[in-house]
PDB file of N, CA and C in Angstrom:
ATOM      1  N   MET A   1      77.297 164.958  -9.604  1.00  0.00           N
ATOM      2  CA  MET A   1      77.820 163.787  -8.966  1.00  0.00           C
ATOM      3  C   MET A   1      79.298 164.039  -8.621  1.00  0.00           C
ATOM      4  N   LYS A   2      79.631 163.746  -7.391  1.00  0.00           N
ATOM      5  CA  LYS A   2      81.011 163.910  -6.954  1.00  0.00           C
ATOM      6  C   LYS A   2      81.774 162.596  -7.128  1.00  0.00           C
ATOM      7  N   ARG A   3      83.076 162.709  -7.305  1.00  0.00           N
ATOM      8  CA  ARG A   3      83.891 161.522  -7.512  1.00  0.00           C
ATOM      9  C   ARG A   3      83.787 160.551  -6.347  1.00  0.00           C
ATOM     10  N   GLU A   4      83.735 161.070  -5.130  1.00  0.00           N
ATOM     11  CA  GLU A   4      83.611 160.217  -3.945  1.00  0.00           C
ATOM     12  C   GLU A   4      82.322 159.423  -3.956  1.00  0.00           C
ATOM     13  N   GLU A   5      81.238 160.068  -4.365  1.00  0.00           N
ATOM     14  CA  GLU A   5      79.938 159.375  -4.469  1.00  0.00           C
ATOM     15  C   GLU A   5      79.994 158.281  -5.513  1.00  0.00           C
ATOM     16  N   LEU A   6      80.624 158.585  -6.638  1.00  0.00           N
ATOM     17  CA  LEU A   6      80.762 157.586  -7.687  1.00  0.00           C
ATOM     18  C   LEU A   6      81.599 156.410  -7.208  1.00  0.00           C
ATOM     19  N   LEU A   7      82.712 156.676  -6.549  1.00  0.00           N
ATOM     20  CA  LEU A   7      83.558 155.593  -6.046  1.00  0.00           C
ATOM     21  C   LEU A   7      82.793 154.692  -5.089  1.00  0.00           C
ATOM     22  N   ALA A   8      81.981 155.268  -4.225  1.00  0.00           N
ATOM     23  CA  ALA A   8      81.183 154.467  -3.286  1.00  0.00           C
ATOM     24  C   ALA A   8      80.231 153.561  -4.089  1.00  0.00           C
ATOM     25  N   ALA A   9      79.610 154.110  -5.109  1.00  0.00           N
ATOM     26  CA  ALA A   9      78.675 153.311  -5.938  1.00  0.00           C
ATOM     27  C   ALA A   9      79.419 152.228  -6.693  1.00  0.00           C
ATOM     28  N   LEU A  10      80.615 152.540  -7.206  1.00  0.00           N
ATOM     29  CA  LEU A  10      81.392 151.547  -7.957  1.00  0.00           C
ATOM     30  C   LEU A  10      81.863 150.427  -7.041  1.00  0.00           C
ATOM     31  N   ARG A  11      82.283 150.761  -5.856  1.00  0.00           N
ATOM     32  CA  ARG A  11      82.730 149.739  -4.884  1.00  0.00           C
ATOM     33  C   ARG A  11      81.578 148.816  -4.501  1.00  0.00           C
ATOM     34  N   GLU A  12      80.396 149.367  -4.417  1.00  0.00           N
ATOM     35  CA  GLU A  12      79.232 148.559  -4.086  1.00  0.00           C
ATOM     36  C   GLU A  12      78.841 147.659  -5.272  1.00  0.00           C
ATOM     37  N   ALA A  13      78.889 148.217  -6.463  1.00  0.00           N
ATOM     38  CA  ALA A  13      78.464 147.465  -7.662  1.00  0.00           C
ATOM     39  C   ALA A  13      79.480 146.432  -8.069  1.00  0.00           C
ATOM     40  N   ALA A  14      80.774 146.729  -7.944  1.00  0.00           N
ATOM     41  CA  ALA A  14      81.824 145.828  -8.374  1.00  0.00           C
ATOM     42  C   ALA A  14      82.917 145.793  -7.306  1.00  0.00           C
ATOM     43  N   PRO A  15      82.666 145.134  -6.170  1.00  0.00           N
ATOM     44  CA  PRO A  15      83.605 145.170  -5.047  1.00  0.00           C
ATOM     45  C   PRO A  15      84.949 144.458  -5.329  1.00  0.00           C
ATOM     46  N   ASN A  16      84.980 143.624  -6.339  1.00  0.00           N
ATOM     47  CA  ASN A  16      86.204 142.880  -6.647  1.00  0.00           C
ATOM     48  C   ASN A  16      87.176 143.693  -7.515  1.00  0.00           C
ATOM     49  N   VAL A  17      86.798 144.895  -7.900  1.00  0.00           N
ATOM     50  CA  VAL A  17      87.617 145.729  -8.781  1.00  0.00           C
ATOM     51  C   VAL A  17      88.356 146.766  -7.958  1.00  0.00           C
ATOM     52  N   ASN A  18      89.639 147.010  -8.269  1.00  0.00           N
ATOM     53  CA  ASN A  18      90.412 148.059  -7.620  1.00  0.00           C
ATOM     54  C   ASN A  18      90.089 149.386  -8.275  1.00  0.00           C
ATOM     55  N   TRP A  19      89.374 150.258  -7.567  1.00  0.00           N
ATOM     56  CA  TRP A  19      88.972 151.552  -8.119  1.00  0.00           C
ATOM     57  C   TRP A  19      89.883 152.683  -7.674  1.00  0.00           C
ATOM     58  N   GLY A  20      91.015 152.372  -7.039  1.00  0.00           N
ATOM     59  CA  GLY A  20      91.919 153.405  -6.568  1.00  0.00           C
ATOM     60  C   GLY A  20      92.552 154.180  -7.711  1.00  0.00           C
ATOM     61  N   ALA A  21      93.046 155.354  -7.398  1.00  0.00           N
ATOM     62  CA  ALA A  21      93.638 156.227  -8.419  1.00  0.00           C
ATOM     63  C   ALA A  21      94.859 155.594  -9.060  1.00  0.00           C
ATOM     64  N   ASP A  22      95.563 154.750  -8.300  1.00  0.00           N
ATOM     65  CA  ASP A  22      96.773 154.124  -8.812  1.00  0.00           C
ATOM     66  C   ASP A  22      96.499 152.770  -9.493  1.00  0.00           C
ATOM     67  N   ALA A  23      95.213 152.432  -9.630  1.00  0.00           N
ATOM     68  CA  ALA A  23      94.854 151.147 -10.229  1.00  0.00           C
ATOM     69  C   ALA A  23      95.120 151.152 -11.723  1.00  0.00           C
ATOM     70  N   PRO A  24      95.575 150.023 -12.236  1.00  0.00           N
ATOM     71  CA  PRO A  24      95.707 149.914 -13.698  1.00  0.00           C
ATOM     72  C   PRO A  24      94.313 149.927 -14.316  1.00  0.00           C
ATOM     73  N   GLU A  25      94.258 150.070 -15.611  1.00  0.00           N
ATOM     74  CA  GLU A  25      92.957 150.046 -16.268  1.00  0.00           C
ATOM     75  C   GLU A  25      92.254 148.716 -15.944  1.00  0.00           C
ATOM     76  N   ASN A  26      91.007 148.809 -15.645  1.00  0.00           N
ATOM     77  CA  ASN A  26      90.243 147.635 -15.235  1.00  0.00           C
ATOM     78  C   ASN A  26      89.736 146.841 -16.406  1.00  0.00           C
ATOM     79  N   THR A  27      89.701 145.547 -16.209  1.00  0.00           N
ATOM     80  CA  THR A  27      89.020 144.657 -17.125  1.00  0.00           C
ATOM     81  C   THR A  27      87.793 144.155 -16.397  1.00  0.00           C
ATOM     82  N   LEU A  28      86.644 144.589 -16.838  1.00  0.00           N
ATOM     83  CA  LEU A  28      85.387 144.237 -16.165  1.00  0.00           C
ATOM     84  C   LEU A  28      84.711 143.077 -16.857  1.00  0.00           C
ATOM     85  N   SER A  29      84.063 142.271 -16.051  1.00  0.00           N
ATOM     86  CA  SER A  29      83.222 141.216 -16.608  1.00  0.00           C
ATOM     87  C   SER A  29      81.931 141.867 -17.091  1.00  0.00           C
ATOM     88  N   SER A  30      81.170 141.139 -17.874  1.00  0.00           N
ATOM     89  CA  SER A  30      79.898 141.674 -18.329  1.00  0.00           C
ATOM     90  C   SER A  30      78.955 141.887 -17.143  1.00  0.00           C
ATOM     91  N   LEU A  31      79.065 141.036 -16.117  1.00  0.00           N
ATOM     92  CA  LEU A  31      78.232 141.208 -14.925  1.00  0.00           C
ATOM     93  C   LEU A  31      78.639 142.471 -14.166  1.00  0.00           C
ATOM     94  N   ASP A  32      79.967 142.735 -14.047  1.00  0.00           N
ATOM     95  CA  ASP A  32      80.419 143.979 -13.422  1.00  0.00           C
ATOM     96  C   ASP A  32      79.827 145.190 -14.140  1.00  0.00           C
ATOM     97  N   THR A  33      79.907 145.167 -15.463  1.00  0.00           N
ATOM     98  CA  THR A  33      79.394 146.294 -16.255  1.00  0.00           C
ATOM     99  C   THR A  33      77.887 146.468 -16.030  1.00  0.00           C
ATOM    100  N   LEU A  34      77.162 145.383 -16.047  1.00  0.00           N
ATOM    101  CA  LEU A  34      75.711 145.439 -15.802  1.00  0.00           C
ATOM    102  C   LEU A  34      75.422 146.024 -14.417  1.00  0.00           C
ATOM    103  N   MET A  35      76.139 145.564 -13.420  1.00  0.00           N
ATOM    104  CA  MET A  35      75.928 146.062 -12.065  1.00  0.00           C
ATOM    105  C   MET A  35      76.244 147.569 -11.971  1.00  0.00           C
ATOM    106  N   ILE A  36      77.316 148.001 -12.636  1.00  0.00           N
ATOM    107  CA  ILE A  36      77.687 149.410 -12.611  1.00  0.00           C
ATOM    108  C   ILE A  36      76.614 150.253 -13.314  1.00  0.00           C
ATOM    109  N   VAL A  37      76.169 149.834 -14.472  1.00  0.00           N
ATOM    110  CA  VAL A  37      75.141 150.574 -15.206  1.00  0.00           C
ATOM    111  C   VAL A  37      73.866 150.656 -14.376  1.00  0.00           C
ATOM    112  N   SER A  38      73.511 149.573 -13.723  1.00  0.00           N
ATOM    113  CA  SER A  38      72.325 149.572 -12.861  1.00  0.00           C
ATOM    114  C   SER A  38      72.499 150.538 -11.690  1.00  0.00           C
ATOM    115  N   GLN A  39      73.667 150.519 -11.091  1.00  0.00           N
ATOM    116  CA  GLN A  39      73.950 151.418  -9.965  1.00  0.00           C
ATOM    117  C   GLN A  39      73.934 152.884 -10.392  1.00  0.00           C
ATOM    118  N   LEU A  40      74.482 153.187 -11.566  1.00  0.00           N
ATOM    119  CA  LEU A  40      74.476 154.556 -12.059  1.00  0.00           C
ATOM    120  C   LEU A  40      73.056 155.069 -12.219  1.00  0.00           C
ATOM    121  N   TYR A  41      72.169 154.213 -12.716  1.00  0.00           N
ATOM    122  CA  TYR A  41      70.776 154.621 -12.905  1.00  0.00           C
ATOM    123  C   TYR A  41      70.046 154.747 -11.569  1.00  0.00           C
ATOM    124  N   SER A  42      70.193 153.770 -10.696  1.00  0.00           N
ATOM    125  CA  SER A  42      69.426 153.783  -9.459  1.00  0.00           C
ATOM    126  C   SER A  42      69.887 154.872  -8.490  1.00  0.00           C
ATOM    127  N   ARG A  43      71.181 155.114  -8.416  1.00  0.00           N
ATOM    128  CA  ARG A  43      71.695 156.091  -7.469  1.00  0.00           C
ATOM    129  C   ARG A  43      71.743 157.507  -8.011  1.00  0.00           C
ATOM    130  N   PHE A  44      71.987 157.663  -9.315  1.00  0.00           N
ATOM    131  CA  PHE A  44      72.226 158.997  -9.871  1.00  0.00           C
ATOM    132  C   PHE A  44      71.270 159.362 -11.004  1.00  0.00           C
ATOM    133  N   GLY A  45      70.448 158.441 -11.428  1.00  0.00           N
ATOM    134  CA  GLY A  45      69.501 158.702 -12.513  1.00  0.00           C
ATOM    135  C   GLY A  45      70.166 158.814 -13.863  1.00  0.00           C
ATOM    136  N   VAL A  46      71.362 158.257 -13.999  1.00  0.00           N
ATOM    137  CA  VAL A  46      72.112 158.300 -15.271  1.00  0.00           C
ATOM    138  C   VAL A  46      71.839 157.026 -16.042  1.00  0.00           C
ATOM    139  N   ALA A  47      71.186 157.164 -17.191  1.00  0.00           N
ATOM    140  CA  ALA A  47      70.904 156.015 -18.036  1.00  0.00           C
ATOM    141  C   ALA A  47      71.985 155.934 -19.113  1.00  0.00           C
ATOM    142  N   VAL A  48      72.689 154.807 -19.145  1.00  0.00           N
ATOM    143  CA  VAL A  48      73.752 154.603 -20.139  1.00  0.00           C
ATOM    144  C   VAL A  48      73.148 153.920 -21.358  1.00  0.00           C
ATOM    145  N   PRO A  49      73.123 154.613 -22.498  1.00  0.00           N
ATOM    146  CA  PRO A  49      72.542 153.999 -23.698  1.00  0.00           C
ATOM    147  C   PRO A  49      73.479 152.906 -24.251  1.00  0.00           C
ATOM    148  N   PRO A  50      72.919 151.954 -25.000  1.00  0.00           N
ATOM    149  CA  PRO A  50      73.727 150.857 -25.511  1.00  0.00           C
ATOM    150  C   PRO A  50      74.961 151.274 -26.283  1.00  0.00           C
ATOM    151  N   GLU A  51      74.878 152.366 -27.037  1.00  0.00           N
ATOM    152  CA  GLU A  51      76.027 152.787 -27.845  1.00  0.00           C
ATOM    153  C   GLU A  51      77.205 153.279 -26.980  1.00  0.00           C
ATOM    154  N   GLU A  52      76.956 153.542 -25.711  1.00  0.00           N
ATOM    155  CA  GLU A  52      78.036 153.964 -24.807  1.00  0.00           C
ATOM    156  C   GLU A  52      78.625 152.802 -24.002  1.00  0.00           C
ATOM    157  N   LEU A  53      78.149 151.601 -24.210  1.00  0.00           N
ATOM    158  CA  LEU A  53      78.668 150.422 -23.498  1.00  0.00           C
ATOM    159  C   LEU A  53      79.933 149.927 -24.170  1.00  0.00           C
ATOM    160  N   ARG A  54      80.964 150.774 -24.123  1.00  0.00           N
ATOM    161  CA  ARG A  54      82.273 150.434 -24.688  1.00  0.00           C
ATOM    162  C   ARG A  54      83.277 150.341 -23.554  1.00  0.00           C
ATOM    163  N   SER A  55      84.250 149.473 -23.720  1.00  0.00           N
ATOM    164  CA  SER A  55      85.234 149.265 -22.646  1.00  0.00           C
ATOM    165  C   SER A  55      85.956 150.558 -22.285  1.00  0.00           C
ATOM    166  N   ALA A  56      86.189 151.443 -23.247  1.00  0.00           N
ATOM    167  CA  ALA A  56      86.891 152.688 -22.948  1.00  0.00           C
ATOM    168  C   ALA A  56      86.122 153.542 -21.929  1.00  0.00           C
ATOM    169  N   ASN A  57      84.805 153.448 -21.934  1.00  0.00           N
ATOM    170  CA  ASN A  57      84.009 154.241 -20.996  1.00  0.00           C
ATOM    171  C   ASN A  57      84.007 153.663 -19.582  1.00  0.00           C
ATOM    172  N   PHE A  58      84.504 152.446 -19.415  1.00  0.00           N
ATOM    173  CA  PHE A  58      84.458 151.788 -18.108  1.00  0.00           C
ATOM    174  C   PHE A  58      85.850 151.340 -17.634  1.00  0.00           C
ATOM    175  N   ARG A  59      86.909 151.894 -18.221  1.00  0.00           N
ATOM    176  CA  ARG A  59      88.275 151.436 -17.911  1.00  0.00           C
ATOM    177  C   ARG A  59      88.762 151.923 -16.560  1.00  0.00           C
ATOM    178  N   SER A  60      88.143 152.990 -16.033  1.00  0.00           N
ATOM    179  CA  SER A  60      88.560 153.535 -14.737  1.00  0.00           C
ATOM    180  C   SER A  60      87.405 154.357 -14.156  1.00  0.00           C
ATOM    181  N   ALA A  61      87.550 154.698 -12.895  1.00  0.00           N
ATOM    182  CA  ALA A  61      86.538 155.555 -12.259  1.00  0.00           C
ATOM    183  C   ALA A  61      86.450 156.902 -12.939  1.00  0.00           C
ATOM    184  N   ASP A  62      87.587 157.441 -13.354  1.00  0.00           N
ATOM    185  CA  ASP A  62      87.577 158.737 -14.036  1.00  0.00           C
ATOM    186  C   ASP A  62      86.879 158.663 -15.390  1.00  0.00           C
ATOM    187  N   ALA A  63      87.066 157.536 -16.100  1.00  0.00           N
ATOM    188  CA  ALA A  63      86.376 157.365 -17.398  1.00  0.00           C
ATOM    189  C   ALA A  63      84.862 157.269 -17.194  1.00  0.00           C
ATOM    190  N   ILE A  64      84.444 156.585 -16.150  1.00  0.00           N
ATOM    191  CA  ILE A  64      83.011 156.462 -15.852  1.00  0.00           C
ATOM    192  C   ILE A  64      82.459 157.812 -15.421  1.00  0.00           C
ATOM    193  N   LEU A  65      83.200 158.549 -14.635  1.00  0.00           N
ATOM    194  CA  LEU A  65      82.758 159.887 -14.228  1.00  0.00           C
ATOM    195  C   LEU A  65      82.605 160.791 -15.445  1.00  0.00           C
ATOM    196  N   SER A  66      83.543 160.741 -16.354  1.00  0.00           N
ATOM    197  CA  SER A  66      83.477 161.548 -17.579  1.00  0.00           C
ATOM    198  C   SER A  66      82.255 161.136 -18.417  1.00  0.00           C
ATOM    199  N   LEU A  67      82.017 159.842 -18.526  1.00  0.00           N
ATOM    200  CA  LEU A  67      80.840 159.356 -19.250  1.00  0.00           C
ATOM    201  C   LEU A  67      79.554 159.923 -18.620  1.00  0.00           C
ATOM    202  N   CYS A  68      79.460 159.822 -17.304  1.00  0.00           N
ATOM    203  CA  CYS A  68      78.260 160.322 -16.605  1.00  0.00           C
ATOM    204  C   CYS A  68      78.068 161.832 -16.810  1.00  0.00           C
ATOM    205  N   GLU A  69      79.161 162.574 -16.711  1.00  0.00           N
ATOM    206  CA  GLU A  69      79.071 164.014 -16.895  1.00  0.00           C
ATOM    207  C   GLU A  69      78.601 164.360 -18.288  1.00  0.00           C
ATOM    208  N   ASN A  70      79.119 163.639 -19.288  1.00  0.00           N
ATOM    209  CA  ASN A  70      78.708 163.880 -20.684  1.00  0.00           C
ATOM    210  C   ASN A  70      77.231 163.519 -20.888  1.00  0.00           C
ATOM    211  N   LEU A  71      76.800 162.430 -20.303  1.00  0.00           N
ATOM    212  CA  LEU A  71      75.404 162.023 -20.462  1.00  0.00           C
ATOM    213  C   LEU A  71      74.479 163.010 -19.735  1.00  0.00           C
ATOM    214  N   GLU A  72      74.913 163.539 -18.585  1.00  0.00           N
ATOM    215  CA  GLU A  72      74.083 164.507 -17.877  1.00  0.00           C
ATOM    216  C   GLU A  72      73.976 165.812 -18.675  1.00  0.00           C
ATOM    217  N   LYS A  73      75.068 166.221 -19.327  1.00  0.00           N
ATOM    218  CA  LYS A  73      75.033 167.420 -20.180  1.00  0.00           C
ATOM    219  C   LYS A  73      74.051 167.238 -21.337  1.00  0.00           C
ATOM    220  N   GLU A  74      74.086 166.073 -21.965  1.00  0.00           N
ATOM    221  CA  GLU A  74      73.190 165.793 -23.082  1.00  0.00           C
ATOM    222  C   GLU A  74      71.736 165.809 -22.614  1.00  0.00           C
ATOM    223  N   ARG A  75      71.499 165.328 -21.397  1.00  0.00           N
ATOM    224  CA  ARG A  75      70.140 165.252 -20.863  1.00  0.00           C
ATOM    225  C   ARG A  75      69.580 166.625 -20.559  1.00  0.00           C
ATOM    226  N   ASN A  76      70.437 167.543 -20.182  1.00  0.00           N
ATOM    227  CA  ASN A  76      69.981 168.890 -19.807  1.00  0.00           C
ATOM    228  C   ASN A  76      70.094 169.765 -21.004  1.00  0.00           C
TER     229      ASN A  76
END
């Protein structure tokens, strides 16, 4: 998964959030998090287990990308 692809998915899932590189850490609503997790699965096949649903994993696009990369490594 490329960062640009992830950003497109994040903007679609949570359009009210600033996903730019200069954005402060995001505070997501539970609905934003649900939409992001759903988008990660439907677009990239990445299933986020409940134990990974921590705010630190969703604070920025880079944190989400890191989470996805780690989950993909575990899957393979």
